[in-house]
Amino acid sequence: MDGEGSVSAGAETRSETAGTAVGHAGDPEVAQVAKRRKHSSEYKLRILEEIDNNPGKTGIILRREGLYSSYLRKWKNWKNQMNKPQRQASSPNKQLHNELAKAQRENNRLRLKLQRAEGLIELQKKASEILNMMSKGENEDN
C-alpha cells in the first residue's frame, strides 16, 4: 500500500508542476506579450538630434535606448511632415477650376432640357397642324 500511495503522490506532484508551469508568466520558456511603447514628441526630437550630432554612433544610441532603426526612419518622416508648410485646403486656381467645371455641367444639363422642351413644342405644333387639317377635312365633307 505504501508503494501505491507514493506513486500516486508522485504523479500528483508531476501533474501539478506541469499544469502550473505551462502558459504562465513565471515560465522562462513563455514569451511575455510585448507592450506597445509610446514615445513623446520631445523624446523623439531629442533622440533624432543626438543621432544627428553624433554620426557613427547611431547603433550605440539605439541599443542604449532600446530602439529599432525603423523608429528612426518613421520619426524622421514625422519630423519632415511637421516642418513642411501646411498647404491650403485648395488653391484659388483649383477653386476656379471646380466652379468652372460645375458651371459647365449645369450648362450642359440646361441645354439638354431646352432641347427636350423645343422638341415638345415642335411636336405640339405638328400635332396641332394635323388636327387642323383633319378638322378642315371633316368640315369640307359636311
N, C-alpha and C. Protein backbone atom coordinates (compact mmCIF):
# COMPACT_ATOMS: atom_id res chain seq x y z
N MET A 1 0.80 -1.18 0.00
CA MET A 1 0.00 0.00 0.00
C MET A 1 0.85 1.26 0.00
N ASP A 2 1.97 1.18 0.67
CA ASP A 2 2.82 2.36 0.72
C ASP A 2 3.37 2.67 -0.66
N GLY A 3 3.64 1.63 -1.42
CA GLY A 3 4.15 1.84 -2.76
C GLY A 3 3.12 2.52 -3.64
N GLU A 4 1.84 2.12 -3.45
CA GLU A 4 0.79 2.74 -4.25
C GLU A 4 0.60 4.20 -3.86
N GLY A 5 0.66 4.50 -2.58
CA GLY A 5 0.48 5.87 -2.12
C GLY A 5 1.60 6.77 -2.61
N SER A 6 2.80 6.26 -2.63
CA SER A 6 3.92 7.09 -3.06
C SER A 6 3.88 7.34 -4.57
N VAL A 7 3.39 6.36 -5.31
CA VAL A 7 3.29 6.54 -6.75
C VAL A 7 2.23 7.59 -7.06
N SER A 8 1.10 7.48 -6.38
CA SER A 8 0.05 8.46 -6.66
C SER A 8 0.46 9.84 -6.19
N ALA A 9 1.17 9.93 -5.10
CA ALA A 9 1.63 11.23 -4.62
C ALA A 9 2.63 11.83 -5.60
N GLY A 10 3.49 10.99 -6.15
CA GLY A 10 4.47 11.48 -7.12
C GLY A 10 3.79 11.92 -8.39
N ALA A 11 2.74 11.22 -8.81
CA ALA A 11 2.01 11.58 -10.02
C ALA A 11 1.29 12.90 -9.84
N GLU A 12 0.74 13.10 -8.64
CA GLU A 12 0.05 14.37 -8.37
C GLU A 12 1.04 15.52 -8.44
N THR A 13 2.23 15.34 -7.92
CA THR A 13 3.22 16.41 -7.91
C THR A 13 3.64 16.75 -9.33
N ARG A 14 3.85 15.71 -10.13
CA ARG A 14 4.25 15.97 -11.50
C ARG A 14 3.15 16.68 -12.28
N SER A 15 1.91 16.26 -12.10
CA SER A 15 0.82 16.90 -12.84
C SER A 15 0.60 18.33 -12.37
N GLU A 16 0.81 18.58 -11.08
CA GLU A 16 0.64 19.95 -10.58
C GLU A 16 1.72 20.86 -11.14
N THR A 17 2.95 20.41 -11.16
CA THR A 17 4.02 21.26 -11.67
C THR A 17 3.88 21.46 -13.16
N ALA A 18 3.46 20.43 -13.86
CA ALA A 18 3.29 20.57 -15.30
C ALA A 18 2.13 21.51 -15.60
N GLY A 19 1.05 21.41 -14.83
CA GLY A 19 -0.13 22.24 -15.06
C GLY A 19 0.12 23.70 -14.75
N THR A 20 0.89 23.98 -13.72
CA THR A 20 1.09 25.37 -13.34
C THR A 20 2.16 26.04 -14.18
N ALA A 21 3.10 25.29 -14.71
CA ALA A 21 4.21 25.90 -15.44
C ALA A 21 3.84 26.25 -16.88
N VAL A 22 2.93 25.53 -17.47
CA VAL A 22 2.62 25.75 -18.88
C VAL A 22 1.79 27.01 -19.04
N GLY A 23 2.27 27.94 -19.83
CA GLY A 23 1.50 29.13 -20.18
C GLY A 23 1.48 30.22 -19.14
N HIS A 24 2.28 30.11 -18.09
CA HIS A 24 2.30 31.16 -17.09
C HIS A 24 3.52 32.05 -17.29
N ALA A 25 3.41 33.26 -16.78
CA ALA A 25 4.48 34.23 -16.97
C ALA A 25 5.76 33.83 -16.24
N GLY A 26 5.64 33.02 -15.20
CA GLY A 26 6.81 32.60 -14.46
C GLY A 26 7.67 31.62 -15.24
N ASP A 27 7.12 31.00 -16.25
CA ASP A 27 7.86 30.04 -17.05
C ASP A 27 8.82 30.78 -17.97
N PRO A 28 10.13 30.46 -17.90
CA PRO A 28 11.08 31.20 -18.74
C PRO A 28 10.93 30.90 -20.23
N GLU A 29 10.22 29.83 -20.59
CA GLU A 29 10.07 29.50 -22.00
C GLU A 29 8.86 30.17 -22.63
N VAL A 30 8.04 30.82 -21.84
CA VAL A 30 6.86 31.50 -22.37
C VAL A 30 7.22 32.96 -22.57
N ALA A 31 7.04 33.45 -23.79
CA ALA A 31 7.39 34.83 -24.10
C ALA A 31 6.35 35.78 -23.52
N GLN A 32 6.83 36.85 -22.94
CA GLN A 32 5.93 37.88 -22.44
C GLN A 32 5.31 38.61 -23.62
N VAL A 33 4.07 39.03 -23.47
CA VAL A 33 3.43 39.80 -24.52
C VAL A 33 3.98 41.22 -24.46
N ALA A 34 4.53 41.67 -25.57
CA ALA A 34 5.15 42.99 -25.60
C ALA A 34 4.09 44.07 -25.46
N LYS A 35 4.42 45.08 -24.70
CA LYS A 35 3.51 46.20 -24.52
C LYS A 35 3.93 47.30 -25.48
N ARG A 36 2.98 47.87 -26.20
CA ARG A 36 3.27 48.92 -27.17
C ARG A 36 3.81 50.14 -26.44
N ARG A 37 4.95 50.61 -26.94
CA ARG A 37 5.56 51.78 -26.32
C ARG A 37 5.13 53.03 -27.06
N LYS A 38 4.92 54.07 -26.31
CA LYS A 38 4.59 55.37 -26.89
C LYS A 38 5.66 56.35 -26.47
N HIS A 39 6.21 57.04 -27.45
CA HIS A 39 7.29 57.99 -27.17
C HIS A 39 6.75 59.40 -27.38
N SER A 40 7.13 60.28 -26.49
CA SER A 40 6.67 61.67 -26.60
C SER A 40 7.40 62.37 -27.74
N SER A 41 6.84 63.46 -28.18
CA SER A 41 7.45 64.24 -29.26
C SER A 41 8.81 64.76 -28.83
N GLU A 42 8.91 65.20 -27.57
CA GLU A 42 10.18 65.72 -27.07
C GLU A 42 11.25 64.63 -27.11
N TYR A 43 10.88 63.40 -26.72
CA TYR A 43 11.83 62.29 -26.71
C TYR A 43 12.30 61.99 -28.13
N LYS A 44 11.37 61.94 -29.06
CA LYS A 44 11.73 61.65 -30.46
C LYS A 44 12.69 62.71 -30.99
N LEU A 45 12.36 63.97 -30.75
CA LEU A 45 13.22 65.06 -31.24
C LEU A 45 14.59 65.02 -30.59
N ARG A 46 14.65 64.69 -29.29
CA ARG A 46 15.91 64.62 -28.57
C ARG A 46 16.79 63.51 -29.15
N ILE A 47 16.20 62.34 -29.41
CA ILE A 47 16.96 61.21 -29.96
C ILE A 47 17.44 61.55 -31.37
N LEU A 48 16.58 62.13 -32.19
CA LEU A 48 16.99 62.49 -33.55
C LEU A 48 18.12 63.51 -33.54
N GLU A 49 18.03 64.47 -32.64
CA GLU A 49 19.09 65.48 -32.54
C GLU A 49 20.40 64.84 -32.07
N GLU A 50 20.30 63.94 -31.10
CA GLU A 50 21.51 63.27 -30.59
C GLU A 50 22.17 62.45 -31.69
N ILE A 51 21.37 61.77 -32.49
CA ILE A 51 21.93 60.96 -33.58
C ILE A 51 22.55 61.85 -34.65
N ASP A 52 21.90 62.99 -34.94
CA ASP A 52 22.47 63.92 -35.92
C ASP A 52 23.78 64.51 -35.43
N ASN A 53 23.90 64.76 -34.12
CA ASN A 53 25.11 65.37 -33.55
C ASN A 53 26.23 64.36 -33.35
N ASN A 54 25.93 63.07 -33.37
CA ASN A 54 26.93 62.03 -33.14
C ASN A 54 26.94 61.03 -34.29
N PRO A 55 27.45 61.43 -35.46
CA PRO A 55 27.46 60.49 -36.58
C PRO A 55 28.34 59.28 -36.27
N GLY A 56 27.90 58.12 -36.71
CA GLY A 56 28.65 56.89 -36.48
C GLY A 56 28.32 56.21 -35.16
N LYS A 57 27.55 56.87 -34.32
CA LYS A 57 27.19 56.28 -33.02
C LYS A 57 25.71 55.94 -32.95
N THR A 58 25.09 55.83 -34.10
CA THR A 58 23.65 55.55 -34.14
C THR A 58 23.32 54.23 -33.45
N GLY A 59 24.09 53.19 -33.75
CA GLY A 59 23.83 51.87 -33.16
C GLY A 59 23.95 51.89 -31.65
N ILE A 60 24.96 52.60 -31.14
CA ILE A 60 25.17 52.68 -29.69
C ILE A 60 23.98 53.37 -29.04
N ILE A 61 23.53 54.46 -29.64
CA ILE A 61 22.40 55.22 -29.08
C ILE A 61 21.13 54.36 -29.11
N LEU A 62 20.92 53.66 -30.22
CA LEU A 62 19.73 52.83 -30.34
C LEU A 62 19.73 51.70 -29.31
N ARG A 63 20.89 51.06 -29.12
CA ARG A 63 20.97 49.98 -28.12
C ARG A 63 20.76 50.53 -26.72
N ARG A 64 21.37 51.68 -26.44
CA ARG A 64 21.23 52.28 -25.11
C ARG A 64 19.76 52.59 -24.79
N GLU A 65 19.03 53.08 -25.81
CA GLU A 65 17.64 53.46 -25.61
C GLU A 65 16.66 52.32 -25.84
N GLY A 66 17.15 51.19 -26.38
CA GLY A 66 16.28 50.05 -26.64
C GLY A 66 15.35 50.31 -27.82
N LEU A 67 15.86 50.99 -28.85
CA LEU A 67 15.05 51.36 -30.01
C LEU A 67 15.48 50.58 -31.24
N TYR A 68 14.61 50.56 -32.23
CA TYR A 68 14.92 49.92 -33.52
C TYR A 68 15.24 51.00 -34.55
N SER A 69 16.01 50.61 -35.56
CA SER A 69 16.37 51.58 -36.60
C SER A 69 15.14 52.01 -37.40
N SER A 70 14.13 51.16 -37.44
CA SER A 70 12.92 51.54 -38.18
C SER A 70 12.23 52.74 -37.52
N TYR A 71 12.41 52.88 -36.18
CA TYR A 71 11.85 54.05 -35.50
C TYR A 71 12.45 55.33 -36.07
N LEU A 72 13.76 55.29 -36.33
CA LEU A 72 14.43 56.49 -36.83
C LEU A 72 13.83 56.94 -38.15
N ARG A 73 13.61 55.97 -39.04
CA ARG A 73 13.05 56.30 -40.35
C ARG A 73 11.66 56.92 -40.17
N LYS A 74 10.84 56.28 -39.34
CA LYS A 74 9.48 56.81 -39.12
C LYS A 74 9.53 58.18 -38.46
N TRP A 75 10.41 58.33 -37.49
CA TRP A 75 10.49 59.60 -36.78
C TRP A 75 11.02 60.71 -37.68
N LYS A 76 11.96 60.38 -38.56
CA LYS A 76 12.46 61.40 -39.49
C LYS A 76 11.36 61.83 -40.46
N ASN A 77 10.58 60.88 -40.95
CA ASN A 77 9.44 61.22 -41.81
C ASN A 77 8.45 62.08 -41.06
N TRP A 78 8.18 61.73 -39.81
CA TRP A 78 7.26 62.50 -38.97
C TRP A 78 7.77 63.93 -38.79
N LYS A 79 9.08 64.06 -38.54
CA LYS A 79 9.69 65.39 -38.35
C LYS A 79 9.61 66.21 -39.63
N ASN A 80 9.87 65.56 -40.78
CA ASN A 80 9.78 66.26 -42.06
C ASN A 80 8.37 66.72 -42.33
N GLN A 81 7.39 65.91 -41.99
CA GLN A 81 6.00 66.30 -42.18
C GLN A 81 5.64 67.50 -41.30
N MET A 82 6.20 67.52 -40.11
CA MET A 82 5.94 68.66 -39.21
C MET A 82 6.55 69.94 -39.74
N ASN A 83 7.71 69.84 -40.39
CA ASN A 83 8.41 71.02 -40.88
C ASN A 83 7.87 71.54 -42.20
N LYS A 84 7.11 70.71 -42.91
CA LYS A 84 6.56 71.18 -44.18
C LYS A 84 5.50 72.23 -43.93
N PRO A 85 5.47 73.28 -44.74
CA PRO A 85 4.40 74.26 -44.59
C PRO A 85 3.07 73.63 -45.00
N GLN A 86 2.07 73.90 -44.21
CA GLN A 86 0.76 73.34 -44.50
C GLN A 86 0.16 74.01 -45.72
N ARG A 87 -0.26 73.18 -46.67
CA ARG A 87 -0.91 73.72 -47.87
C ARG A 87 -2.33 74.10 -47.53
N GLN A 88 -2.81 75.08 -48.24
CA GLN A 88 -4.21 75.44 -48.07
C GLN A 88 -5.06 74.29 -48.56
N ALA A 89 -6.28 74.26 -48.08
CA ALA A 89 -7.18 73.17 -48.47
C ALA A 89 -7.25 73.06 -49.98
N SER A 90 -7.38 74.18 -50.66
CA SER A 90 -7.33 74.17 -52.12
C SER A 90 -6.91 75.56 -52.59
N SER A 91 -6.16 75.58 -53.64
CA SER A 91 -5.66 76.85 -54.15
C SER A 91 -6.78 77.59 -54.88
N PRO A 92 -6.62 78.91 -55.07
CA PRO A 92 -7.65 79.66 -55.80
C PRO A 92 -7.84 79.15 -57.22
N ASN A 93 -6.76 78.71 -57.87
CA ASN A 93 -6.91 78.17 -59.22
C ASN A 93 -7.76 76.91 -59.23
N LYS A 94 -7.54 76.07 -58.24
CA LYS A 94 -8.32 74.84 -58.16
C LYS A 94 -9.78 75.15 -57.88
N GLN A 95 -10.04 76.14 -57.02
CA GLN A 95 -11.41 76.54 -56.74
C GLN A 95 -12.09 77.06 -58.00
N LEU A 96 -11.36 77.88 -58.77
CA LEU A 96 -11.93 78.40 -60.01
C LEU A 96 -12.19 77.27 -61.00
N HIS A 97 -11.26 76.34 -61.08
CA HIS A 97 -11.43 75.19 -61.97
C HIS A 97 -12.67 74.39 -61.58
N ASN A 98 -12.84 74.16 -60.27
CA ASN A 98 -14.01 73.41 -59.81
C ASN A 98 -15.31 74.15 -60.11
N GLU A 99 -15.31 75.48 -59.91
CA GLU A 99 -16.51 76.27 -60.20
C GLU A 99 -16.82 76.25 -61.69
N LEU A 100 -15.77 76.35 -62.52
CA LEU A 100 -15.96 76.31 -63.96
C LEU A 100 -16.54 74.96 -64.40
N ALA A 101 -15.99 73.88 -63.86
CA ALA A 101 -16.49 72.55 -64.21
C ALA A 101 -17.95 72.40 -63.78
N LYS A 102 -18.28 72.91 -62.62
CA LYS A 102 -19.66 72.84 -62.14
C LYS A 102 -20.59 73.64 -63.05
N ALA A 103 -20.15 74.83 -63.45
CA ALA A 103 -20.97 75.67 -64.34
C ALA A 103 -21.16 75.00 -65.70
N GLN A 104 -20.10 74.33 -66.20
CA GLN A 104 -20.22 73.64 -67.49
C GLN A 104 -21.19 72.47 -67.41
N ARG A 105 -21.15 71.73 -66.30
CA ARG A 105 -22.10 70.63 -66.13
C ARG A 105 -23.53 71.15 -66.09
N GLU A 106 -23.72 72.24 -65.35
CA GLU A 106 -25.05 72.85 -65.26
C GLU A 106 -25.52 73.34 -66.63
N ASN A 107 -24.60 73.95 -67.39
CA ASN A 107 -24.90 74.45 -68.73
C ASN A 107 -25.33 73.30 -69.64
N ASN A 108 -24.59 72.19 -69.62
CA ASN A 108 -24.94 71.03 -70.43
C ASN A 108 -26.30 70.46 -70.04
N ARG A 109 -26.56 70.43 -68.74
CA ARG A 109 -27.86 69.92 -68.27
C ARG A 109 -29.00 70.80 -68.77
N LEU A 110 -28.81 72.11 -68.70
CA LEU A 110 -29.85 73.03 -69.15
C LEU A 110 -30.04 72.98 -70.67
N ARG A 111 -28.96 72.77 -71.42
CA ARG A 111 -29.09 72.64 -72.88
C ARG A 111 -29.94 71.43 -73.24
N LEU A 112 -29.69 70.31 -72.57
CA LEU A 112 -30.49 69.11 -72.83
C LEU A 112 -31.96 69.36 -72.50
N LYS A 113 -32.18 70.06 -71.40
CA LYS A 113 -33.56 70.36 -71.00
C LYS A 113 -34.23 71.27 -72.04
N LEU A 114 -33.49 72.25 -72.56
CA LEU A 114 -34.01 73.16 -73.59
C LEU A 114 -34.32 72.39 -74.88
N GLN A 115 -33.41 71.48 -75.27
CA GLN A 115 -33.65 70.68 -76.48
C GLN A 115 -34.92 69.85 -76.34
N ARG A 116 -35.13 69.25 -75.16
CA ARG A 116 -36.35 68.47 -74.95
C ARG A 116 -37.59 69.36 -75.04
N ALA A 117 -37.50 70.54 -74.42
CA ALA A 117 -38.64 71.45 -74.45
C ALA A 117 -38.94 71.91 -75.88
N GLU A 118 -37.90 72.26 -76.65
CA GLU A 118 -38.10 72.68 -78.04
C GLU A 118 -38.66 71.54 -78.87
N GLY A 119 -38.21 70.32 -78.60
CA GLY A 119 -38.74 69.15 -79.31
C GLY A 119 -40.21 68.95 -79.00
N LEU A 120 -40.60 69.14 -77.76
CA LEU A 120 -42.01 69.01 -77.39
C LEU A 120 -42.86 70.09 -78.06
N ILE A 121 -42.32 71.31 -78.13
CA ILE A 121 -43.06 72.40 -78.79
C ILE A 121 -43.25 72.08 -80.26
N GLU A 122 -42.21 71.60 -80.93
CA GLU A 122 -42.32 71.21 -82.34
C GLU A 122 -43.36 70.10 -82.51
N LEU A 123 -43.34 69.15 -81.61
CA LEU A 123 -44.31 68.06 -81.68
C LEU A 123 -45.74 68.58 -81.51
N GLN A 124 -45.92 69.51 -80.59
CA GLN A 124 -47.25 70.10 -80.38
C GLN A 124 -47.71 70.88 -81.61
N LYS A 125 -46.77 71.60 -82.25
CA LYS A 125 -47.13 72.35 -83.46
C LYS A 125 -47.59 71.39 -84.55
N LYS A 126 -46.85 70.31 -84.76
CA LYS A 126 -47.22 69.34 -85.80
C LYS A 126 -48.54 68.68 -85.47
N ALA A 127 -48.73 68.34 -84.19
CA ALA A 127 -50.00 67.72 -83.80
C ALA A 127 -51.15 68.70 -84.03
N SER A 128 -50.91 69.97 -83.74
CA SER A 128 -51.94 70.98 -83.95
C SER A 128 -52.26 71.12 -85.44
N GLU A 129 -51.22 71.12 -86.29
CA GLU A 129 -51.43 71.21 -87.74
C GLU A 129 -52.22 70.01 -88.25
N ILE A 130 -51.88 68.84 -87.77
CA ILE A 130 -52.60 67.62 -88.20
C ILE A 130 -54.05 67.70 -87.78
N LEU A 131 -54.28 68.12 -86.54
CA LEU A 131 -55.66 68.22 -86.06
C LEU A 131 -56.44 69.28 -86.86
N ASN A 132 -55.78 70.40 -87.19
CA ASN A 132 -56.44 71.43 -88.01
C ASN A 132 -56.77 70.88 -89.38
N MET A 133 -55.85 70.15 -90.00
CA MET A 133 -56.12 69.58 -91.32
C MET A 133 -57.25 68.57 -91.23
N MET A 134 -57.28 67.78 -90.17
CA MET A 134 -58.34 66.78 -90.01
C MET A 134 -59.69 67.46 -89.82
N SER A 135 -59.70 68.53 -89.04
CA SER A 135 -60.96 69.22 -88.80
C SER A 135 -61.43 69.95 -90.06
N LYS A 136 -60.50 70.48 -90.88
CA LYS A 136 -60.88 71.10 -92.14
C LYS A 136 -61.43 70.05 -93.10
N GLY A 137 -60.82 68.87 -93.12
CA GLY A 137 -61.29 67.78 -93.95
C GLY A 137 -62.67 67.35 -93.56
N GLU A 138 -62.98 67.32 -92.31
CA GLU A 138 -64.33 66.96 -91.84
C GLU A 138 -65.33 68.04 -92.19
N ASN A 139 -64.90 69.31 -92.08
CA ASN A 139 -65.80 70.43 -92.42
C ASN A 139 -66.10 70.42 -93.90
N GLU A 140 -65.15 70.08 -94.74
CA GLU A 140 -65.39 70.04 -96.18
C GLU A 140 -66.31 68.90 -96.56
N ASP A 141 -66.19 67.79 -95.85
CA ASP A 141 -67.05 66.63 -96.13
C ASP A 141 -68.50 66.95 -95.76
N ASN A 142 -68.70 67.73 -94.81
CA ASN A 142 -70.08 68.05 -94.39
C ASN A 142 -70.64 69.08 -95.25
